[in-house]
């Protein structure tokens, strides 16, 4: 892949990661609304499991993003704006 293709792939991974942020924020709000005495409830557990799944997905996307960023660096390409 040339530098422009690498940058394009990195940008698509960055956008995929950023697209998941509203989902995480939404789940955090749901979790905050659960009363303290119900924090161990099935509902709270389900939300935490969904957040864990999303966090794992984001971690995998970040790993791939970093691969493209590193390859782009090797080719002397511009990596500005790709950081998260």
C-alpha atoms as a PDB file:
ATOM      1  CA  UNK A   1       0.000   0.000   0.000  1.00  0.00           C
ATOM      2  CA  UNK A   2       1.193   3.491  -0.688  1.00  0.00           C
ATOM      3  CA  UNK A   3       1.068   6.334   1.836  1.00  0.00           C
ATOM      4  CA  UNK A   4      -2.292   7.686   0.657  1.00  0.00           C
ATOM      5  CA  UNK A   5      -3.921   4.256   0.945  1.00  0.00           C
ATOM      6  CA  UNK A   6      -2.448   3.764   4.410  1.00  0.00           C
ATOM      7  CA  UNK A   7      -3.714   7.180   5.503  1.00  0.00           C
ATOM      8  CA  UNK A   8      -7.151   6.441   4.103  1.00  0.00           C
ATOM      9  CA  UNK A   9      -7.339   3.156   6.025  1.00  0.00           C
ATOM     10  CA  UNK A  10      -6.126   4.843   9.222  1.00  0.00           C
ATOM     11  CA  UNK A  11      -8.748   7.566   8.819  1.00  0.00           C
ATOM     12  CA  UNK A  12     -11.504   4.978   8.385  1.00  0.00           C
ATOM     13  CA  UNK A  13     -10.427   3.206  11.589  1.00  0.00           C
ATOM     14  CA  UNK A  14     -10.321   6.518  13.437  1.00  0.00           C
ATOM     15  CA  UNK A  15     -13.860   7.311  12.284  1.00  0.00           C
ATOM     16  CA  UNK A  16     -15.071   3.850  13.331  1.00  0.00           C
ATOM     17  CA  UNK A  17     -13.618   4.408  16.796  1.00  0.00           C
ATOM     18  CA  UNK A  18     -15.120   7.885  17.117  1.00  0.00           C
ATOM     19  CA  UNK A  19     -18.508   6.540  15.998  1.00  0.00           C
ATOM     20  CA  UNK A  20     -18.581   4.249  19.031  1.00  0.00           C
ATOM     21  CA  UNK A  21     -18.110   7.085  21.542  1.00  0.00           C
ATOM     22  CA  UNK A  22     -21.803   8.105  21.585  1.00  0.00           C
ATOM     23  CA  UNK A  23     -22.743   4.489  22.311  1.00  0.00           C
ATOM     24  CA  UNK A  24     -20.387   4.393  25.299  1.00  0.00           C
ATOM     25  CA  UNK A  25     -21.696   7.756  26.529  1.00  0.00           C
ATOM     26  CA  UNK A  26     -25.282   6.524  26.231  1.00  0.00           C
ATOM     27  CA  UNK A  27     -24.515   3.400  28.252  1.00  0.00           C
ATOM     28  CA  UNK A  28     -22.688   5.427  30.893  1.00  0.00           C
ATOM     29  CA  UNK A  29     -25.778   7.615  31.280  1.00  0.00           C
ATOM     30  CA  UNK A  30     -27.976   4.525  31.682  1.00  0.00           C
ATOM     31  CA  UNK A  31     -25.605   3.163  34.292  1.00  0.00           C
ATOM     32  CA  UNK A  32     -25.594   6.471  36.190  1.00  0.00           C
ATOM     33  CA  UNK A  33     -29.390   6.427  36.344  1.00  0.00           C
ATOM     34  CA  UNK A  34     -29.477   3.090  38.128  1.00  0.00           C
ATOM     35  CA  UNK A  35     -29.913   3.569  41.884  1.00  0.00           C
ATOM     36  CA  UNK A  36     -26.950   2.547  44.021  1.00  0.00           C
ATOM     37  CA  UNK A  37     -28.912  -0.274  45.651  1.00  0.00           C
ATOM     38  CA  UNK A  38     -29.601  -1.764  42.186  1.00  0.00           C
ATOM     39  CA  UNK A  39     -26.050  -1.479  40.822  1.00  0.00           C
ATOM     40  CA  UNK A  40     -25.658  -5.255  40.990  1.00  0.00           C
ATOM     41  CA  UNK A  41     -28.981  -5.888  39.215  1.00  0.00           C
ATOM     42  CA  UNK A  42     -29.326  -7.799  35.968  1.00  0.00           C
ATOM     43  CA  UNK A  43     -30.015  -4.532  34.155  1.00  0.00           C
ATOM     44  CA  UNK A  44     -26.760  -2.980  35.383  1.00  0.00           C
ATOM     45  CA  UNK A  45     -24.877  -6.179  34.645  1.00  0.00           C
ATOM     46  CA  UNK A  46     -26.225  -6.159  31.082  1.00  0.00           C
ATOM     47  CA  UNK A  47     -25.127  -2.578  30.556  1.00  0.00           C
ATOM     48  CA  UNK A  48     -21.656  -3.330  31.912  1.00  0.00           C
ATOM     49  CA  UNK A  49     -21.395  -6.350  29.596  1.00  0.00           C
ATOM     50  CA  UNK A  50     -22.395  -4.218  26.598  1.00  0.00           C
ATOM     51  CA  UNK A  51     -19.811  -1.622  27.587  1.00  0.00           C
ATOM     52  CA  UNK A  52     -17.174  -4.324  27.931  1.00  0.00           C
ATOM     53  CA  UNK A  53     -17.993  -5.608  24.445  1.00  0.00           C
ATOM     54  CA  UNK A  54     -17.784  -2.086  23.023  1.00  0.00           C
ATOM     55  CA  UNK A  55     -14.500  -1.415  24.806  1.00  0.00           C
ATOM     56  CA  UNK A  56     -13.026  -4.623  23.379  1.00  0.00           C
ATOM     57  CA  UNK A  57     -14.198  -3.598  19.924  1.00  0.00           C
ATOM     58  CA  UNK A  58     -12.626  -0.159  20.328  1.00  0.00           C
ATOM     59  CA  UNK A  59      -9.371  -1.711  21.548  1.00  0.00           C
ATOM     60  CA  UNK A  60      -9.245  -3.935  18.458  1.00  0.00           C
ATOM     61  CA  UNK A  61      -9.924  -0.955  16.184  1.00  0.00           C
ATOM     62  CA  UNK A  62      -7.215   1.082  17.931  1.00  0.00           C
ATOM     63  CA  UNK A  63      -4.766  -1.771  17.458  1.00  0.00           C
ATOM     64  CA  UNK A  64      -5.459  -1.819  13.718  1.00  0.00           C
ATOM     65  CA  UNK A  65      -5.336   1.969  13.552  1.00  0.00           C
ATOM     66  CA  UNK A  66      -1.897   1.919  15.147  1.00  0.00           C
ATOM     67  CA  UNK A  67      -0.688  -0.652  12.603  1.00  0.00           C
ATOM     68  CA  UNK A  68      -1.638   1.695   9.756  1.00  0.00           C
ATOM     69  CA  UNK A  69      -0.163   4.715  11.542  1.00  0.00           C
ATOM     70  CA  UNK A  70       3.124   2.866  12.072  1.00  0.00           C
ATOM     71  CA  UNK A  71       3.263   1.749   8.430  1.00  0.00           C
ATOM     72  CA  UNK A  72       2.505   5.300   7.360  1.00  0.00           C
ATOM     73  CA  UNK A  73       5.358   6.570   9.562  1.00  0.00           C
ATOM     74  CA  UNK A  74       7.694   4.026   7.952  1.00  0.00           C
ATOM     75  CA  UNK A  75       6.818   5.413   4.528  1.00  0.00           C
ATOM     76  CA  UNK A  76       7.340   8.974   5.701  1.00  0.00           C
ATOM     77  CA  UNK A  77       3.665   9.844   5.390  1.00  0.00           C
ATOM     78  CA  UNK A  78       1.772  12.517   7.283  1.00  0.00           C
ATOM     79  CA  UNK A  79       0.170  11.131  10.443  1.00  0.00           C
ATOM     80  CA  UNK A  80      -1.169  14.425  11.755  1.00  0.00           C
ATOM     81  CA  UNK A  81      -4.797  14.259  12.800  1.00  0.00           C
ATOM     82  CA  UNK A  82      -4.852  10.474  13.066  1.00  0.00           C
ATOM     83  CA  UNK A  83      -4.280  10.314  16.811  1.00  0.00           C
ATOM     84  CA  UNK A  84      -7.175   9.615  19.127  1.00  0.00           C
END
